[in-house]
Protein backbone atom coordinates (compact mmCIF):
# COMPACT_ATOMS: atom_id res chain seq x y z
CA MET A 1 -13.58 -8.78 -14.07
CA GLU A 2 -14.76 -5.37 -14.68
CA GLU A 3 -13.11 -3.15 -17.63
CA PRO A 4 -10.39 -1.14 -15.30
CA VAL A 5 -11.95 2.74 -15.47
CA LEU A 6 -9.12 3.43 -12.91
CA ASP A 7 -5.97 4.32 -12.15
CA ILE A 8 -5.45 2.14 -9.33
CA SER A 9 -7.87 -0.19 -7.38
CA VAL A 10 -6.44 -0.10 -3.34
CA ILE A 11 -7.46 -3.50 -1.68
CA VAL A 12 -7.13 -3.48 1.93
CA PRO A 13 -7.75 -6.62 3.81
CA VAL A 14 -9.69 -6.67 7.11
CA GLY A 15 -8.04 -9.61 9.55
CA THR A 16 -8.44 -9.59 13.22
CA ARG A 17 -5.49 -7.51 13.37
CA HIS A 18 -6.00 -3.95 12.26
CA ASP A 19 -5.24 -0.07 13.66
CA ASP A 20 -7.88 2.62 13.59
CA LEU A 21 -9.14 2.13 10.37
CA PRO A 22 -10.96 5.27 9.33
CA ALA A 23 -7.76 7.56 10.26
CA LEU A 24 -5.50 4.89 8.55
CA LEU A 25 -8.17 5.00 5.40
CA ASP A 26 -7.75 8.82 4.97
CA GLU A 27 -4.27 8.58 5.08
CA TYR A 28 -3.67 6.46 2.28
CA ALA A 29 -6.40 8.36 0.26
CA GLU A 30 -4.54 11.13 0.88
CA GLY A 31 -1.16 9.86 0.46
CA LEU A 32 -2.52 8.15 -3.01
CA ARG A 33 -4.09 11.94 -4.17
CA GLN A 34 -0.41 12.69 -4.09
CA ALA A 35 0.06 10.72 -6.47
CA ASN A 36 -2.08 12.28 -9.31
CA ALA A 37 -3.79 9.06 -9.65
CA SER A 38 -7.62 7.84 -10.02
CA PHE A 39 -8.49 5.99 -7.60
CA GLU A 40 -11.12 3.33 -5.35
CA VAL A 41 -10.29 1.79 -2.06
CA ILE A 42 -11.64 -1.28 -1.47
CA VAL A 43 -12.06 -2.68 1.86
CA VAL A 44 -12.64 -6.52 2.53
CA LEU A 45 -13.90 -7.80 5.60
CA ASP A 46 -12.80 -11.45 5.94
CA GLY A 47 -15.66 -11.93 8.55
CA PRO A 48 -17.77 -9.85 10.98
CA GLN A 49 -15.19 -7.98 12.50
CA GLY A 50 -16.97 -6.30 15.42
CA GLY A 51 -18.73 -3.42 15.15
CA LEU A 52 -16.31 -2.12 11.46
CA MET A 53 -19.53 -2.62 9.68
CA ALA A 54 -20.82 0.65 11.21
CA GLN A 55 -18.12 2.44 11.57
CA LEU A 56 -17.37 1.91 7.42
CA GLY A 57 -20.74 2.18 6.45
CA ASP A 58 -20.69 6.20 8.07
CA LEU A 59 -17.52 6.46 6.19
CA LEU A 60 -19.16 4.78 3.21
CA SER A 61 -21.29 8.53 2.26
CA ILE A 62 -18.65 10.88 2.79
CA ARG A 63 -16.00 8.28 0.81
CA PRO A 64 -17.42 8.49 -2.38
CA TRP A 65 -13.65 6.14 -2.89
CA LEU A 66 -14.65 4.18 -1.03
CA ARG A 67 -15.85 0.19 -1.21
CA VAL A 68 -16.38 -2.05 0.92
CA ILE A 69 -16.54 -6.19 0.81
CA GLU A 70 -18.53 -8.18 3.56
CA LEU A 71 -16.74 -12.06 3.48
CA THR A 72 -19.38 -14.57 5.50
CA ARG A 73 -16.90 -15.98 7.65
CA ASP A 74 -12.96 -15.89 8.03
CA PHE A 75 -12.30 -16.89 4.71
CA GLY A 76 -8.01 -16.52 5.02
CA GLU A 77 -5.84 -13.56 3.86
CA ALA A 78 -5.49 -14.70 0.45
CA ALA A 79 -9.37 -15.34 -0.11
CA ALA A 80 -10.52 -12.10 0.64
CA LEU A 81 -7.51 -10.24 -1.67
CA THR A 82 -9.61 -12.37 -4.10
CA ALA A 83 -12.58 -11.51 -3.14
CA GLY A 84 -11.83 -7.64 -3.37
CA PHE A 85 -9.83 -7.50 -6.79
CA GLY A 86 -12.39 -9.75 -8.23
CA GLU A 87 -14.25 -6.10 -7.71
CA ALA A 88 -11.86 -3.48 -8.70
CA ARG A 89 -11.95 -1.73 -11.40
CA GLY A 90 -8.77 -0.30 -12.47
CA ARG A 91 -5.63 -0.62 -14.46
CA LYS A 92 -3.18 -1.20 -11.15
CA MET A 93 -3.84 -2.95 -7.85
CA LEU A 94 -2.53 -1.57 -4.82
CA THR A 95 -2.56 -3.73 -1.95
CA LEU A 96 -2.27 -2.50 1.95
CA PRO A 97 -2.54 -3.54 4.85
CA ALA A 98 -5.21 -2.32 7.86
CA TYR A 99 -2.60 -1.48 10.05
CA TYR A 100 0.50 0.72 9.73
CA GLN A 101 3.19 -0.38 7.96
CA VAL A 102 5.27 1.99 5.78
CA GLU A 103 4.51 5.97 5.89
CA PRO A 104 1.80 6.37 3.50
CA SER A 105 2.66 10.12 2.54
CA ASP A 106 5.67 7.47 0.86
CA LEU A 107 2.92 5.79 -1.42
CA PRO A 108 3.93 7.88 -5.05
CA LYS A 109 6.69 6.58 -4.53
CA ILE A 110 5.79 2.45 -5.48
CA ILE A 111 3.08 4.03 -7.69
CA ALA A 112 6.14 5.52 -9.98
CA ALA A 113 8.09 2.37 -10.02
CA GLY A 114 4.62 0.63 -10.96
CA GLU A 115 5.43 1.39 -14.16
CA GLN A 116 8.89 0.11 -14.65
CA ALA A 117 7.49 -3.03 -13.70
CA ALA A 118 5.08 -5.50 -13.37
CA MET A 119 4.77 -6.20 -9.35
CA VAL A 120 6.77 -3.11 -6.72
CA VAL A 121 7.39 -4.94 -3.68
CA ALA A 122 8.06 -2.26 -0.70
CA VAL A 123 10.46 -3.10 1.54
CA ARG A 124 10.18 -0.78 4.63
CA TRP A 125 13.94 1.10 5.46
CA PRO A 126 15.47 2.10 7.86
CA ARG A 127 13.70 -0.82 9.30
CA ALA A 128 13.56 -0.54 13.42
CA GLY A 129 12.66 -4.03 15.87
CA SER A 130 14.62 -6.24 17.78
CA ALA A 131 18.08 -8.19 16.59
CA PHE A 132 16.15 -11.34 17.34
CA GLU A 133 13.52 -9.74 14.40
CA GLY A 134 16.30 -8.89 11.88
CA PHE A 135 17.81 -12.84 12.65
CA ARG A 136 14.82 -14.17 11.57
CA ARG A 137 13.74 -12.07 8.80
CA ASN A 138 17.59 -12.59 7.45
CA ALA A 139 17.45 -16.55 8.04
CA PHE A 140 13.77 -16.52 6.46
CA HIS A 141 14.56 -14.81 3.11
CA GLY A 142 18.34 -16.49 2.60
CA LEU A 143 16.25 -19.87 3.03
CA LEU A 144 12.82 -18.32 0.64
CA GLY A 145 16.36 -17.41 -1.78
CA LEU A 146 18.50 -20.38 -1.83
CA ILE A 147 15.50 -22.64 -2.19
CA THR A 148 13.76 -20.80 -5.47
CA GLY A 149 16.92 -18.42 -7.04
CA GLN A 150 14.40 -15.15 -5.91
CA ARG A 151 16.29 -12.91 -3.42
CA TYR A 152 13.52 -10.66 -1.17
CA ARG A 153 14.23 -8.26 1.75
CA ASP A 154 10.74 -7.91 2.96
CA LEU A 155 8.86 -10.30 1.51
CA GLY A 156 6.62 -10.15 5.04
CA CYS A 157 5.36 -6.32 3.96
CA GLY A 158 1.56 -6.52 2.73
CA VAL A 159 2.08 -2.96 0.00
CA ARG A 160 2.79 -4.22 -3.49
CA LEU A 161 1.34 -2.62 -6.51
CA LEU A 162 0.76 -5.37 -9.27
CA GLU A 163 -0.80 -5.20 -13.17
CA ARG A 164 -3.92 -6.43 -13.74
CA GLU A 165 -2.04 -9.16 -15.70
CA ILE A 166 -1.03 -10.22 -13.04
CA VAL A 167 -3.81 -11.45 -11.31
CA ASP A 168 -5.59 -12.88 -14.23
CA GLU A 169 -2.77 -15.36 -14.57
CA ILE A 170 -2.19 -16.35 -11.03
CA PRO A 171 -4.66 -16.88 -8.94
CA LEU A 172 -4.73 -17.13 -4.80
CA TYR A 173 -4.95 -19.95 -2.65
CA SER A 174 -4.20 -21.04 1.03
CA GLU A 175 -1.50 -18.34 2.14
CA ARG A 176 0.37 -18.29 -0.97
CA HIS A 177 -0.21 -14.59 -0.68
CA ARG A 178 2.98 -13.84 1.36
CA PHE A 179 4.81 -15.18 -2.10
CA TYR A 180 2.59 -13.45 -4.61
CA PRO A 181 5.62 -11.74 -5.46
CA ALA A 182 8.39 -15.13 -6.15
CA LEU A 183 4.65 -16.73 -7.93
CA ALA A 184 5.07 -13.79 -10.68
CA LYS A 185 8.42 -13.47 -10.92
CA SER A 186 8.84 -17.14 -12.35
CA ARG A 187 5.61 -16.66 -15.17
CA GLY A 188 8.52 -14.34 -16.82
CA PHE A 189 6.84 -11.15 -15.10
CA GLU A 190 9.36 -8.25 -13.53
CA VAL A 191 9.23 -7.72 -10.47
CA SER A 192 11.18 -4.76 -8.10
CA GLU A 193 11.72 -3.34 -4.82
CA VAL A 194 11.47 0.51 -3.25
CA GLU A 195 12.44 1.32 -0.07
CA LEU A 196 9.56 3.45 2.02
CA ARG A 197 10.06 4.36 5.11
CA GLN A 198 8.42 2.23 8.11
CA SER A 199 5.83 3.73 9.90
CA PRO A 200 6.80 4.43 13.77
CA LYS A 201 2.90 3.10 14.73
CA ASP A 202 4.66 -0.45 12.87
CA ASP A 203 5.13 -1.97 16.52
CA PHE A 204 3.93 -4.92 16.24
CA ARG A 205 5.35 -7.16 19.40
CA GLY A 206 3.10 -10.45 18.84
CA ARG A 207 4.89 -13.48 18.63
CA TYR A 208 4.84 -16.31 16.43
CA ARG A 209 3.75 -19.95 17.96
CA LEU A 210 6.18 -22.61 16.56
CA ARG A 211 3.59 -24.10 14.44
CA GLU A 212 3.32 -20.68 12.66
CA TYR A 213 7.35 -22.02 11.57
CA LEU A 214 6.73 -24.51 10.19
CA HIS A 215 3.86 -23.77 8.05
CA ARG A 216 6.33 -21.25 6.56
CA MET A 217 8.67 -24.06 6.12
CA LEU A 218 6.22 -25.93 4.51
CA ASP A 219 4.56 -23.09 2.04
CA ILE A 220 8.66 -22.56 1.55
CA MET A 221 9.26 -26.29 0.20
CA THR A 222 5.64 -25.28 -1.88
CA LEU A 223 6.37 -22.78 -3.66
CA PHE A 224 10.09 -24.39 -4.71
CA PHE A 225 7.56 -27.03 -6.62
CA LEU A 226 5.45 -24.72 -8.21
CA VAL A 227 8.26 -22.17 -9.02
CA ARG A 228 10.57 -25.20 -10.61
CA PHE A 229 8.56 -28.35 -11.38
CA THR A 230 4.89 -27.39 -11.32
CA LYS A 231 4.93 -28.39 -15.44
CA LYS A 232 8.29 -30.75 -14.81
CA PRO A 233 6.55 -33.31 -11.72
CA LEU A 234 9.08 -36.55 -13.22
CA ARG A 235 11.97 -34.06 -12.70
CA PHE A 236 11.71 -33.94 -9.09
CA PHE A 237 9.96 -37.19 -7.98
CA GLY A 238 12.57 -39.11 -10.90
CA THR A 239 15.46 -38.11 -9.89
CA ILE A 240 15.08 -38.68 -5.79
CA GLY A 241 13.24 -41.82 -7.05
CA PHE A 242 16.17 -42.47 -9.40
CA GLY A 243 18.55 -42.57 -6.31
CA ILE A 244 16.67 -43.79 -3.71
CA ALA A 245 15.96 -46.53 -6.14
CA ILE A 246 20.15 -47.20 -7.06
CA PHE A 247 20.91 -47.14 -3.09
CA GLY A 248 18.47 -49.94 -2.93
CA MET A 249 19.85 -52.07 -6.06
CA ILE A 250 24.11 -50.90 -4.16
CA ALA A 251 23.21 -52.49 -1.40
CA LEU A 252 21.49 -55.70 -3.21
CA ALA A 253 24.33 -56.29 -5.14
CA ILE A 254 27.05 -56.32 -2.93
CA VAL A 255 24.57 -58.72 -0.58
CA ILE A 256 24.16 -61.57 -3.73
CA PHE A 257 28.29 -60.87 -4.67
CA GLN A 258 28.82 -61.98 -0.48
CA LYS A 259 26.17 -64.76 -1.63
CA LEU A 260 27.90 -66.09 -4.78
CA VAL A 261 31.66 -65.81 -3.78
CA PHE A 262 32.42 -65.83 -0.42
CA ALA A 263 28.67 -68.01 0.62
CA VAL A 264 27.63 -65.63 3.33
CA ALA A 265 23.89 -66.66 4.40
CA LEU A 266 21.43 -64.82 3.29
CA ALA A 267 19.11 -64.97 6.41
CA ASP A 268 18.88 -61.63 9.17
CA ARG A 269 20.84 -59.82 6.68
CA PRO A 270 19.53 -56.27 7.47
CA ALA A 271 21.40 -54.70 4.05
CA LEU A 272 19.29 -57.74 2.50
CA LEU A 273 15.84 -55.89 3.33
CA LEU A 274 16.92 -52.62 3.34
CA GLY A 275 18.13 -52.96 -0.20
CA SER A 276 14.83 -54.37 -0.90
CA LEU A 277 13.06 -51.74 0.64
CA MET A 278 14.98 -48.72 -0.98
CA LEU A 279 14.44 -50.14 -4.38
CA VAL A 280 10.72 -50.85 -3.73
CA LEU A 281 10.20 -47.20 -1.87
CA GLY A 282 12.69 -45.74 -5.47
CA VAL A 283 9.77 -47.27 -8.08
CA GLN A 284 7.32 -45.96 -6.52
CA VAL A 285 9.03 -42.57 -6.24
CA PHE A 286 9.58 -43.35 -9.79
CA ALA A 287 5.70 -43.87 -10.43
CA LEU A 288 4.44 -41.33 -8.79
CA GLY A 289 6.07 -38.01 -10.80
CA LEU A 290 4.77 -40.34 -13.73
CA ILE A 291 1.42 -40.88 -13.00
CA GLY A 292 2.03 -36.67 -12.18
CA GLU A 293 3.32 -36.31 -15.73
CA LEU A 294 0.56 -38.27 -16.94
CA ILE A 295 -2.16 -35.84 -15.46
CA ILE A 296 -0.30 -32.88 -16.75
CA PHE A 297 -0.15 -33.96 -19.59
CA THR A 298 -3.74 -34.54 -20.36
CA HIS A 299 -4.75 -31.62 -19.70
CA ALA A 300 -2.20 -29.68 -20.81
CA ARG A 301 -4.13 -28.06 -23.30
CA HIS A 302 -5.95 -25.97 -20.32
CA LEU A 303 -2.66 -25.42 -18.33
CA LYS A 304 -0.44 -21.91 -19.83
CA GLU A 305 3.36 -21.60 -18.75
CA TYR A 306 4.54 -18.54 -20.02
CA ALA A 307 2.53 -14.54 -19.85
CA VAL A 308 2.32 -12.01 -22.98
CA ARG A 309 3.67 -8.67 -22.41
CA ARG A 310 2.97 -6.94 -25.67
CA ILE A 311 2.05 -7.76 -29.68
CA ILE A 312 2.49 -4.83 -31.39
CA GLY A 313 1.67 -5.22 -35.54
CA GLY A 314 -0.37 -7.04 -36.98
CA GLU A 315 -3.12 -4.67 -38.06
CA PRO A 316 -5.47 -7.16 -40.80
CA GLU A 317 -4.94 -6.02 -44.73
CA GLU A 318 -7.64 -4.65 -45.86
CA GLU A 319 -9.39 -6.85 -49.41
CA ALA A 320 -8.21 -3.82 -52.54
CA PRO A 321 -11.71 -3.30 -54.29
CA SER A 322 -11.90 -4.85 -57.05
CA SER A 323 -12.03 -2.82 -60.82
């Protein structure tokens, strides 16, 4: 990345869902001006988006703060954000959606909150929507909190302010951008939430397919492993494998005891097969965690599991002139 020369770099990833982008960008810019901060707006087109490139091209000559990146094809929102981060010149990054979610005039609130935390996540409030949407949202955040121990209220909002260090420390891939706050907090960065007014134009009424719910569930399970066991895979797989193996050994011990004491035949005993299967499965799961530990140990010098907030003092002492 280049050396920061601006206060804020705004990254706007544009996929298939977007509103009137020229009008929205002007509203964003007006909100940023109210914060009295120098800024740039980087629009990342996630693949060809119809006539959007032509519209934005006309704006470039009259909007000096605007930059446009067009990806060769649809790579996903995480890739679009990464591309924008790579071209950003600001001290802080502000991600904004390509459609209305919050009132652009409230952007100074999240910028002010960024002085107290490394990442600030916007919460749309008061929140409109049906009772089912509220239940779905609460269920998602409740499950996320139960698994990771972190509590959030609106991870579906794309308005987030983050320090440049977070971008440098935590790479984005796949669909992990939704859980960027949880990943940042797990690395020791301070994450806070700020309430912004929900835009009256935030009226998405689309339906999520069953596949989407399955993907989110798998993402949460992946996040659980990334947050708690990335550097300690044996604790995860070892605990599961040990429990399965113990169950298998107990089952085998009971069968063998019945054979030796009561002369019960072992033939056609489902318990014998089940115990043997569980014992072998437990050892395999344990071995998987052990292999993971060996891989982590081999690459330990290239891994970093901490983030430095600041370094104070320590100026080198000049050598006293000889007499």
